[in-house]
Amino acid sequence: MVSSKVIVEIVVAHLIPLLPRSPCDFHLERSRKMRGLQMPYGCCGRAFGSKGCQAVSTHVHKGNLYLDTDGFKVTSQLKTPRDGNYGVYALDTESVHTTKGIEVCKLTVLDTNCRVVYDQFCLPTSEIVDYNTIYSGIRKEDLNGVTKTFEDVRNDLLELFKRDTILVGHSLFNDFNLLKVSVT
């Protein structure tokens, strides 16, 4: 059974692209309750219910994580290495908000010696509406001259990894979802 939260995300994901773009005010941190009292927002100290301390040009969503299931690659179809060395890597993606939802914009891979094996920006498939800089570190100028597409970066990743490669990272489920890679 699909949860009501997922249903709301799906409905919102379909509706947001149809809505006129309008600015979105928000707080980076929640207001917490302490002993029954609603505390100020942790990000700015403003009172609960106050206008957001941050603003972006349009509302963003991540509905594509639930809806866009086409084009996933499956790791079980990857090659088995001849030398038996499957490799161990740390993986991290950075993402931006687009008209489609949330999309990968940078992929970084380190080996077991903490050497950078792969570090590439890529162009998302849809127009960027928020660079998510406070979390991603990505700025508009970082993409100047970038020609690699999402497909290019994902294909590079699948060439590097083998069928039983060991991967470590924070929120890998989210990274694989964004990369459209099914680990089996």
N, C-alpha and C. Protein backbone atom coordinates (compact mmCIF):
# COMPACT_ATOMS: atom_id res chain seq x y z
N MET A 1 0.83 -1.18 0.00
CA MET A 1 0.00 0.00 0.00
C MET A 1 0.88 1.24 0.00
N VAL A 2 0.56 2.22 -0.83
CA VAL A 2 1.33 3.46 -0.95
C VAL A 2 0.90 4.42 0.15
N SER A 3 1.89 5.02 0.82
CA SER A 3 1.56 5.94 1.92
C SER A 3 0.96 7.23 1.37
N SER A 4 0.20 7.92 2.22
CA SER A 4 -0.43 9.18 1.81
C SER A 4 0.63 10.23 1.50
N LYS A 5 1.79 10.17 2.17
CA LYS A 5 2.86 11.14 1.90
C LYS A 5 3.36 10.98 0.46
N VAL A 6 3.55 9.74 0.03
CA VAL A 6 4.01 9.49 -1.34
C VAL A 6 2.95 9.95 -2.34
N ILE A 7 1.68 9.70 -2.05
CA ILE A 7 0.61 10.14 -2.95
C ILE A 7 0.62 11.66 -3.07
N VAL A 8 0.78 12.36 -1.96
CA VAL A 8 0.84 13.83 -2.00
C VAL A 8 2.03 14.28 -2.83
N GLU A 9 3.21 13.65 -2.64
CA GLU A 9 4.39 14.01 -3.43
C GLU A 9 4.12 13.81 -4.93
N ILE A 10 3.47 12.73 -5.29
CA ILE A 10 3.17 12.44 -6.69
C ILE A 10 2.23 13.49 -7.26
N VAL A 11 1.17 13.81 -6.54
CA VAL A 11 0.21 14.82 -7.00
C VAL A 11 0.91 16.17 -7.14
N VAL A 12 1.70 16.54 -6.14
CA VAL A 12 2.42 17.81 -6.17
C VAL A 12 3.39 17.85 -7.35
N ALA A 13 4.09 16.75 -7.58
CA ALA A 13 5.05 16.71 -8.69
C ALA A 13 4.38 16.95 -10.03
N HIS A 14 3.14 16.48 -10.19
CA HIS A 14 2.41 16.71 -11.43
C HIS A 14 1.88 18.13 -11.53
N LEU A 15 1.52 18.71 -10.41
CA LEU A 15 0.92 20.05 -10.41
C LEU A 15 1.94 21.18 -10.49
N ILE A 16 3.07 21.05 -9.82
CA ILE A 16 4.02 22.16 -9.74
C ILE A 16 4.47 22.66 -11.11
N PRO A 17 4.82 21.79 -12.06
CA PRO A 17 5.23 22.31 -13.36
C PRO A 17 4.11 23.10 -14.07
N LEU A 18 2.87 22.86 -13.70
CA LEU A 18 1.75 23.55 -14.33
C LEU A 18 1.45 24.91 -13.70
N LEU A 19 1.94 25.12 -12.49
CA LEU A 19 1.67 26.36 -11.78
C LEU A 19 2.59 27.47 -12.27
N PRO A 20 2.10 28.73 -12.22
CA PRO A 20 3.00 29.82 -12.57
C PRO A 20 4.13 29.88 -11.55
N ARG A 21 5.31 30.25 -11.99
CA ARG A 21 6.43 30.35 -11.07
C ARG A 21 6.24 31.55 -10.17
N SER A 22 6.40 31.33 -8.90
CA SER A 22 6.29 32.41 -7.93
C SER A 22 7.36 32.21 -6.86
N PRO A 23 7.82 33.31 -6.26
CA PRO A 23 8.87 33.18 -5.24
C PRO A 23 8.41 32.32 -4.07
N CYS A 24 9.36 31.68 -3.43
CA CYS A 24 9.09 30.82 -2.28
C CYS A 24 9.95 31.28 -1.11
N ASP A 25 9.30 31.67 -0.02
CA ASP A 25 10.00 32.03 1.21
C ASP A 25 9.96 30.82 2.14
N PHE A 26 11.06 30.56 2.83
CA PHE A 26 11.10 29.41 3.72
C PHE A 26 12.19 29.59 4.78
N HIS A 27 12.17 28.72 5.76
CA HIS A 27 13.21 28.67 6.79
C HIS A 27 14.05 27.43 6.57
N LEU A 28 15.36 27.55 6.77
CA LEU A 28 16.25 26.41 6.60
C LEU A 28 16.10 25.38 7.72
N GLU A 29 15.69 25.85 8.88
CA GLU A 29 15.51 24.95 10.01
C GLU A 29 14.10 25.07 10.56
N ARG A 30 13.65 23.99 11.20
CA ARG A 30 12.30 23.98 11.78
C ARG A 30 12.27 24.75 13.09
N SER A 31 11.06 25.10 13.47
CA SER A 31 10.80 25.63 14.81
C SER A 31 10.47 24.42 15.68
N ARG A 32 11.12 24.29 16.80
CA ARG A 32 10.90 23.13 17.67
C ARG A 32 10.01 23.51 18.86
N LYS A 33 9.38 22.50 19.42
CA LYS A 33 8.58 22.72 20.63
C LYS A 33 9.41 22.33 21.84
N MET A 34 9.35 23.18 22.86
CA MET A 34 10.04 22.89 24.10
C MET A 34 9.08 23.17 25.25
N ARG A 35 8.77 22.12 26.00
CA ARG A 35 7.84 22.24 27.13
C ARG A 35 6.51 22.87 26.69
N GLY A 36 6.07 22.46 25.51
CA GLY A 36 4.79 22.93 25.01
C GLY A 36 4.83 24.28 24.32
N LEU A 37 5.97 24.96 24.35
CA LEU A 37 6.09 26.27 23.70
C LEU A 37 6.77 26.13 22.35
N GLN A 38 6.25 26.84 21.36
CA GLN A 38 6.85 26.82 20.03
C GLN A 38 8.04 27.78 20.05
N MET A 39 9.22 27.26 19.79
CA MET A 39 10.46 28.04 19.84
C MET A 39 10.71 28.75 18.52
N PRO A 40 11.58 29.78 18.53
CA PRO A 40 11.93 30.46 17.28
C PRO A 40 12.62 29.49 16.31
N TYR A 41 12.63 29.87 15.04
CA TYR A 41 13.31 29.06 14.03
C TYR A 41 14.81 29.04 14.34
N GLY A 42 15.42 27.87 14.25
CA GLY A 42 16.84 27.72 14.56
C GLY A 42 17.76 28.43 13.59
N CYS A 43 17.30 28.66 12.38
CA CYS A 43 18.15 29.26 11.36
C CYS A 43 18.34 30.76 11.55
N CYS A 44 17.33 31.45 12.04
CA CYS A 44 17.39 32.91 12.09
C CYS A 44 16.91 33.51 13.41
N GLY A 45 16.32 32.70 14.26
CA GLY A 45 15.83 33.19 15.53
C GLY A 45 14.50 33.91 15.47
N ARG A 46 13.89 33.94 14.28
CA ARG A 46 12.58 34.59 14.15
C ARG A 46 11.49 33.73 14.78
N ALA A 47 10.40 34.39 15.15
CA ALA A 47 9.28 33.71 15.81
C ALA A 47 8.61 32.71 14.87
N PHE A 48 8.05 31.66 15.48
CA PHE A 48 7.31 30.66 14.73
C PHE A 48 6.19 31.34 13.93
N GLY A 49 6.04 30.95 12.68
CA GLY A 49 5.00 31.52 11.82
C GLY A 49 5.45 32.76 11.06
N SER A 50 6.68 33.22 11.32
CA SER A 50 7.17 34.42 10.63
C SER A 50 7.54 34.10 9.18
N LYS A 51 7.64 35.14 8.38
CA LYS A 51 8.03 35.00 6.98
C LYS A 51 9.40 34.33 6.92
N GLY A 52 9.60 33.49 5.91
CA GLY A 52 10.85 32.77 5.77
C GLY A 52 12.06 33.68 5.68
N CYS A 53 13.18 33.21 6.19
CA CYS A 53 14.41 33.99 6.16
C CYS A 53 15.20 33.74 4.87
N GLN A 54 14.78 32.78 4.09
CA GLN A 54 15.41 32.47 2.80
C GLN A 54 14.36 32.58 1.70
N ALA A 55 14.82 32.85 0.49
CA ALA A 55 13.89 32.95 -0.64
C ALA A 55 14.55 32.41 -1.90
N VAL A 56 13.76 31.75 -2.71
CA VAL A 56 14.19 31.31 -4.04
C VAL A 56 13.14 31.77 -5.03
N SER A 57 13.50 31.77 -6.30
CA SER A 57 12.64 32.35 -7.33
C SER A 57 11.37 31.54 -7.59
N THR A 58 11.37 30.27 -7.22
CA THR A 58 10.20 29.44 -7.48
C THR A 58 10.15 28.28 -6.48
N HIS A 59 9.01 27.67 -6.35
CA HIS A 59 8.88 26.51 -5.48
C HIS A 59 9.60 25.32 -6.10
N VAL A 60 10.14 24.45 -5.27
CA VAL A 60 10.85 23.27 -5.75
C VAL A 60 10.19 22.02 -5.18
N HIS A 61 10.47 20.89 -5.79
CA HIS A 61 9.90 19.61 -5.34
C HIS A 61 10.86 18.49 -5.70
N LYS A 62 10.60 17.31 -5.19
CA LYS A 62 11.41 16.15 -5.54
C LYS A 62 10.54 14.98 -5.97
N GLY A 63 9.41 15.30 -6.56
CA GLY A 63 8.47 14.28 -7.00
C GLY A 63 9.03 13.35 -8.05
N ASN A 64 10.02 13.81 -8.83
CA ASN A 64 10.59 12.94 -9.86
C ASN A 64 11.28 11.72 -9.25
N LEU A 65 11.66 11.78 -7.99
CA LEU A 65 12.27 10.62 -7.35
C LEU A 65 11.28 9.46 -7.25
N TYR A 66 9.99 9.79 -7.23
CA TYR A 66 8.95 8.76 -7.13
C TYR A 66 8.33 8.43 -8.49
N LEU A 67 8.35 9.40 -9.39
CA LEU A 67 7.62 9.25 -10.65
C LEU A 67 8.47 8.79 -11.81
N ASP A 68 9.68 9.30 -11.91
CA ASP A 68 10.51 9.08 -13.08
C ASP A 68 11.28 7.77 -12.95
N THR A 69 10.63 6.67 -13.26
CA THR A 69 11.24 5.36 -13.08
C THR A 69 11.80 4.77 -14.37
N ASP A 70 11.69 5.48 -15.47
CA ASP A 70 12.22 4.99 -16.74
C ASP A 70 13.73 5.18 -16.80
N GLY A 71 14.39 4.28 -17.48
CA GLY A 71 15.81 4.44 -17.77
C GLY A 71 16.77 4.02 -16.66
N PHE A 72 16.30 3.27 -15.68
CA PHE A 72 17.20 2.80 -14.64
C PHE A 72 18.15 1.75 -15.20
N LYS A 73 19.41 1.77 -14.77
CA LYS A 73 20.40 0.75 -15.11
C LYS A 73 20.53 -0.17 -13.91
N VAL A 74 20.77 -1.44 -14.16
CA VAL A 74 20.84 -2.44 -13.09
C VAL A 74 22.29 -2.91 -12.95
N THR A 75 22.83 -2.86 -11.73
CA THR A 75 24.23 -3.22 -11.53
C THR A 75 24.50 -4.70 -11.76
N SER A 76 23.50 -5.56 -11.64
CA SER A 76 23.72 -6.99 -11.87
C SER A 76 24.10 -7.26 -13.32
N GLN A 77 23.87 -6.30 -14.20
CA GLN A 77 24.22 -6.46 -15.61
C GLN A 77 25.66 -6.01 -15.89
N LEU A 78 26.34 -5.48 -14.86
CA LEU A 78 27.72 -5.03 -15.05
C LEU A 78 28.66 -6.22 -15.15
N LYS A 79 29.84 -5.95 -15.70
CA LYS A 79 30.83 -7.00 -15.90
C LYS A 79 31.44 -7.46 -14.57
N THR A 80 31.89 -8.72 -14.58
CA THR A 80 32.69 -9.24 -13.47
C THR A 80 34.15 -9.04 -13.86
N PRO A 81 34.97 -8.45 -12.99
CA PRO A 81 36.36 -8.19 -13.36
C PRO A 81 37.16 -9.47 -13.53
N ARG A 82 38.05 -9.49 -14.50
CA ARG A 82 38.87 -10.68 -14.77
C ARG A 82 39.83 -10.98 -13.63
N ASP A 83 40.36 -9.91 -13.01
CA ASP A 83 41.35 -10.11 -11.95
C ASP A 83 40.71 -10.37 -10.58
N GLY A 84 39.39 -10.36 -10.51
CA GLY A 84 38.71 -10.61 -9.24
C GLY A 84 38.64 -9.41 -8.31
N ASN A 85 39.21 -8.29 -8.73
CA ASN A 85 39.21 -7.08 -7.90
C ASN A 85 37.99 -6.23 -8.25
N TYR A 86 37.00 -6.28 -7.40
CA TYR A 86 35.77 -5.55 -7.65
C TYR A 86 35.89 -4.07 -7.29
N GLY A 87 36.81 -3.75 -6.42
CA GLY A 87 37.03 -2.38 -6.00
C GLY A 87 36.13 -1.94 -4.86
N VAL A 88 36.63 -0.96 -4.12
CA VAL A 88 35.89 -0.34 -3.03
C VAL A 88 35.99 1.16 -3.25
N TYR A 89 34.85 1.83 -3.27
CA TYR A 89 34.83 3.27 -3.55
C TYR A 89 33.85 4.00 -2.63
N ALA A 90 34.13 5.26 -2.43
CA ALA A 90 33.18 6.17 -1.77
C ALA A 90 32.56 7.02 -2.86
N LEU A 91 31.27 7.19 -2.79
CA LEU A 91 30.53 7.91 -3.84
C LEU A 91 29.70 9.02 -3.21
N ASP A 92 29.63 10.16 -3.90
CA ASP A 92 28.76 11.25 -3.45
C ASP A 92 28.25 12.00 -4.67
N THR A 93 26.99 12.37 -4.62
CA THR A 93 26.41 13.22 -5.67
C THR A 93 26.00 14.54 -5.05
N GLU A 94 25.97 15.56 -5.88
CA GLU A 94 25.39 16.85 -5.50
C GLU A 94 24.27 17.10 -6.49
N SER A 95 23.22 17.71 -6.02
CA SER A 95 22.05 17.90 -6.88
C SER A 95 21.56 19.33 -6.85
N VAL A 96 20.79 19.65 -7.88
CA VAL A 96 20.15 20.96 -8.02
C VAL A 96 18.66 20.73 -8.23
N HIS A 97 17.88 21.78 -8.02
CA HIS A 97 16.44 21.70 -8.27
C HIS A 97 16.18 22.20 -9.69
N THR A 98 15.41 21.42 -10.44
CA THR A 98 15.08 21.78 -11.81
C THR A 98 13.56 21.81 -11.97
N THR A 99 13.12 22.17 -13.15
CA THR A 99 11.68 22.16 -13.42
C THR A 99 11.12 20.74 -13.32
N LYS A 100 11.98 19.75 -13.46
CA LYS A 100 11.56 18.34 -13.38
C LYS A 100 11.53 17.84 -11.93
N GLY A 101 12.30 18.46 -11.07
CA GLY A 101 12.42 18.02 -9.68
C GLY A 101 13.84 18.21 -9.20
N ILE A 102 14.41 17.17 -8.61
CA ILE A 102 15.79 17.23 -8.13
C ILE A 102 16.64 16.35 -9.05
N GLU A 103 17.80 16.88 -9.49
CA GLU A 103 18.63 16.14 -10.44
C GLU A 103 20.10 16.24 -10.08
N VAL A 104 20.86 15.21 -10.45
CA VAL A 104 22.30 15.17 -10.23
C VAL A 104 22.97 16.26 -11.06
N CYS A 105 23.94 16.91 -10.45
CA CYS A 105 24.70 17.94 -11.16
C CYS A 105 26.21 17.72 -10.98
N LYS A 106 26.59 16.87 -10.03
CA LYS A 106 28.00 16.56 -9.81
C LYS A 106 28.13 15.18 -9.20
N LEU A 107 29.14 14.46 -9.64
CA LEU A 107 29.43 13.12 -9.12
C LEU A 107 30.90 13.05 -8.74
N THR A 108 31.17 12.58 -7.53
CA THR A 108 32.54 12.43 -7.05
C THR A 108 32.72 11.01 -6.52
N VAL A 109 33.84 10.39 -6.88
CA VAL A 109 34.17 9.03 -6.43
C VAL A 109 35.61 9.04 -5.91
N LEU A 110 35.80 8.45 -4.72
CA LEU A 110 37.13 8.31 -4.12
C LEU A 110 37.47 6.83 -3.99
N ASP A 111 38.78 6.51 -4.04
CA ASP A 111 39.19 5.13 -3.80
C ASP A 111 39.52 4.94 -2.32
N THR A 112 40.03 3.77 -1.96
CA THR A 112 40.30 3.47 -0.54
C THR A 112 41.46 4.28 0.02
N ASN A 113 42.23 4.92 -0.83
CA ASN A 113 43.32 5.79 -0.37
C ASN A 113 42.90 7.26 -0.36
N CYS A 114 41.60 7.48 -0.49
CA CYS A 114 41.02 8.84 -0.51
C CYS A 114 41.49 9.67 -1.70
N ARG A 115 41.91 8.99 -2.75
CA ARG A 115 42.27 9.69 -3.99
C ARG A 115 41.01 9.87 -4.83
N VAL A 116 40.90 11.03 -5.44
CA VAL A 116 39.75 11.30 -6.31
C VAL A 116 39.92 10.50 -7.59
N VAL A 117 38.98 9.62 -7.83
CA VAL A 117 39.00 8.77 -9.02
C VAL A 117 38.14 9.40 -10.11
N TYR A 118 37.10 10.09 -9.70
CA TYR A 118 36.17 10.71 -10.65
C TYR A 118 35.55 11.93 -9.97
N ASP A 119 35.54 13.05 -10.67
CA ASP A 119 34.95 14.28 -10.12
C ASP A 119 34.48 15.12 -11.30
N GLN A 120 33.20 15.05 -11.60
CA GLN A 120 32.66 15.73 -12.78
C GLN A 120 31.35 16.42 -12.49
N PHE A 121 31.23 17.62 -13.04
CA PHE A 121 29.92 18.28 -13.10
C PHE A 121 29.20 17.72 -14.31
N CYS A 122 27.89 17.76 -14.30
CA CYS A 122 27.12 17.38 -15.48
C CYS A 122 25.90 18.29 -15.59
N LEU A 123 25.39 18.38 -16.79
CA LEU A 123 24.21 19.20 -17.04
C LEU A 123 22.96 18.39 -16.74
N PRO A 124 22.08 18.91 -15.90
CA PRO A 124 20.83 18.19 -15.66
C PRO A 124 19.98 18.18 -16.93
N THR A 125 18.97 17.33 -16.96
CA THR A 125 18.15 17.20 -18.16
C THR A 125 17.13 18.32 -18.31
N SER A 126 16.86 19.06 -17.22
CA SER A 126 15.85 20.13 -17.26
C SER A 126 16.45 21.45 -16.77
N GLU A 127 15.71 22.51 -16.97
CA GLU A 127 16.16 23.85 -16.57
C GLU A 127 16.32 23.94 -15.05
N ILE A 128 17.44 24.50 -14.61
CA ILE A 128 17.71 24.67 -13.18
C ILE A 128 16.92 25.85 -12.65
N VAL A 129 16.21 25.63 -11.53
CA VAL A 129 15.47 26.72 -10.89
C VAL A 129 16.10 27.12 -9.56
N ASP A 130 16.92 26.24 -8.97
CA ASP A 130 17.63 26.57 -7.73
C ASP A 130 18.88 25.70 -7.65
N TYR A 131 20.02 26.34 -7.46
CA TYR A 131 21.29 25.61 -7.41
C TYR A 131 21.51 24.90 -6.08
N ASN A 132 20.66 25.16 -5.09
CA ASN A 132 20.76 24.48 -3.80
C ASN A 132 22.14 24.66 -3.19
N THR A 133 22.74 25.83 -3.45
CA THR A 133 24.14 26.10 -3.10
C THR A 133 24.45 25.88 -1.64
N ILE A 134 23.55 26.24 -0.76
CA ILE A 134 23.82 26.10 0.67
C ILE A 134 24.12 24.65 1.05
N TYR A 135 23.57 23.70 0.32
CA TYR A 135 23.81 22.28 0.59
C TYR A 135 24.75 21.64 -0.43
N SER A 136 24.60 22.01 -1.70
CA SER A 136 25.38 21.36 -2.76
C SER A 136 26.73 22.02 -2.99
N GLY A 137 26.85 23.30 -2.65
CA GLY A 137 28.07 24.04 -2.95
C GLY A 137 28.16 24.44 -4.41
N ILE A 138 27.18 24.06 -5.21
CA ILE A 138 27.20 24.35 -6.65
C ILE A 138 26.66 25.74 -6.91
N ARG A 139 27.39 26.48 -7.75
CA ARG A 139 26.96 27.81 -8.18
C ARG A 139 26.79 27.79 -9.70
N LYS A 140 26.07 28.75 -10.19
CA LYS A 140 25.80 28.83 -11.63
C LYS A 140 27.10 28.79 -12.44
N GLU A 141 28.10 29.55 -11.99
CA GLU A 141 29.36 29.63 -12.74
C GLU A 141 30.12 28.31 -12.77
N ASP A 142 29.85 27.40 -11.84
CA ASP A 142 30.50 26.08 -11.86
C ASP A 142 30.15 25.29 -13.12
N LEU A 143 29.03 25.60 -13.71
CA LEU A 143 28.58 24.85 -14.89
C LEU A 143 28.99 25.50 -16.21
N ASN A 144 29.68 26.65 -16.14
CA ASN A 144 30.18 27.29 -17.36
C ASN A 144 31.15 26.33 -18.07
N GLY A 145 30.91 26.06 -19.32
CA GLY A 145 31.78 25.19 -20.11
C GLY A 145 31.55 23.70 -19.91
N VAL A 146 30.66 23.33 -19.03
CA VAL A 146 30.38 21.90 -18.80
C VAL A 146 29.59 21.35 -19.99
N THR A 147 30.07 20.25 -20.53
CA THR A 147 29.39 19.63 -21.67
C THR A 147 28.88 18.22 -21.36
N LYS A 148 29.40 17.62 -20.29
CA LYS A 148 28.94 16.27 -19.94
C LYS A 148 27.48 16.31 -19.53
N THR A 149 26.75 15.32 -20.01
CA THR A 149 25.33 15.20 -19.66
C THR A 149 25.19 14.22 -18.50
N PHE A 150 24.01 14.15 -17.95
CA PHE A 150 23.71 13.17 -16.91
C PHE A 150 24.03 11.77 -17.41
N GLU A 151 23.61 11.47 -18.62
CA GLU A 151 23.83 10.14 -19.22
C GLU A 151 25.33 9.84 -19.30
N ASP A 152 26.14 10.84 -19.71
CA ASP A 152 27.59 10.66 -19.80
C ASP A 152 28.19 10.27 -18.45
N VAL A 153 27.81 11.02 -17.42
CA VAL A 153 28.35 10.79 -16.08
C VAL A 153 27.93 9.43 -15.55
N ARG A 154 26.67 9.09 -15.75
CA ARG A 154 26.20 7.78 -15.29
C ARG A 154 26.92 6.65 -16.03
N ASN A 155 27.11 6.79 -17.33
CA ASN A 155 27.83 5.76 -18.09
C ASN A 155 29.27 5.63 -17.62
N ASP A 156 29.93 6.77 -17.32
CA ASP A 156 31.29 6.73 -16.78
C ASP A 156 31.32 5.95 -15.47
N LEU A 157 30.34 6.20 -14.63
CA LEU A 157 30.24 5.53 -13.33
C LEU A 157 30.09 4.02 -13.52
N LEU A 158 29.23 3.63 -14.44
CA LEU A 158 28.98 2.20 -14.66
C LEU A 158 30.17 1.51 -15.32
N GLU A 159 31.03 2.26 -15.99
CA GLU A 159 32.27 1.69 -16.54
C GLU A 159 33.28 1.46 -15.41
N LEU A 160 33.30 2.37 -14.45
CA LEU A 160 34.23 2.28 -13.33
C LEU A 160 33.86 1.15 -12.38
N PHE A 161 32.59 1.01 -12.10
CA PHE A 161 32.12 0.01 -11.13
C PHE A 161 31.92 -1.34 -11.80
N LYS A 162 32.13 -2.37 -11.02
CA LYS A 162 31.89 -3.73 -11.47
C LYS A 162 30.66 -4.27 -10.75
N ARG A 163 30.28 -5.46 -11.12
CA ARG A 163 29.04 -6.04 -10.61
C ARG A 163 28.98 -6.08 -9.08
N ASP A 164 30.08 -6.43 -8.42
CA ASP A 164 30.08 -6.55 -6.96
C ASP A 164 30.99 -5.52 -6.29
N THR A 165 31.17 -4.39 -6.91
CA THR A 165 31.95 -3.31 -6.30
C THR A 165 31.30 -2.91 -4.98
N ILE A 166 32.14 -2.66 -3.98
CA ILE A 166 31.64 -2.21 -2.68
C ILE A 166 31.64 -0.68 -2.67
N LEU A 167 30.48 -0.12 -2.33
CA LEU A 167 30.34 1.34 -2.32
C LEU A 167 29.97 1.80 -0.92
N VAL A 168 30.59 2.90 -0.51
CA VAL A 168 30.25 3.52 0.77
C VAL A 168 29.89 4.97 0.51
N GLY A 169 29.06 5.51 1.39
CA GLY A 169 28.67 6.91 1.26
C GLY A 169 27.50 7.21 2.16
N HIS A 170 27.15 8.46 2.21
CA HIS A 170 26.02 8.92 3.02
C HIS A 170 24.78 8.97 2.14
N SER A 171 23.71 8.35 2.57
CA SER A 171 22.44 8.33 1.82
C SER A 171 22.62 7.79 0.40
N LEU A 172 23.31 6.66 0.29
CA LEU A 172 23.53 6.07 -1.03
C LEU A 172 22.23 5.75 -1.74
N PHE A 173 21.20 5.39 -0.99
CA PHE A 173 19.90 5.12 -1.62
C PHE A 173 19.46 6.33 -2.43
N ASN A 174 19.60 7.51 -1.85
CA ASN A 174 19.22 8.74 -2.53
C ASN A 174 20.11 8.98 -3.75
N ASP A 175 21.42 8.78 -3.59
CA ASP A 175 22.34 8.97 -4.71
C ASP A 175 22.02 8.03 -5.86
N PHE A 176 21.77 6.75 -5.55
CA PHE A 176 21.45 5.79 -6.61
C PHE A 176 20.12 6.13 -7.28
N ASN A 177 19.18 6.59 -6.50
CA ASN A 177 17.89 7.00 -7.06
C ASN A 177 18.09 8.16 -8.04
N LEU A 178 18.88 9.14 -7.64
CA LEU A 178 19.16 10.29 -8.51
C LEU A 178 19.93 9.86 -9.76
N LEU A 179 20.84 8.90 -9.60
CA LEU A 179 21.64 8.41 -10.73
C LEU A 179 20.88 7.41 -11.59
N LYS A 180 19.71 7.00 -11.13
CA LYS A 180 18.90 6.00 -11.82
C LYS A 180 19.69 4.70 -12.00
N VAL A 181 20.25 4.25 -10.87
CA VAL A 181 20.99 3.00 -10.84
C VAL A 181 20.34 2.11 -9.79
N SER A 182 19.98 0.91 -10.19
CA SER A 182 19.39 -0.06 -9.28
C SER A 182 20.46 -1.06 -8.89
N VAL A 183 20.80 -1.09 -7.61
CA VAL A 183 21.85 -1.98 -7.11
C VAL A 183 21.21 -3.32 -6.75
N THR A 184 21.61 -4.36 -7.47
CA THR A 184 21.03 -5.69 -7.21
C THR A 184 22.12 -6.73 -7.07
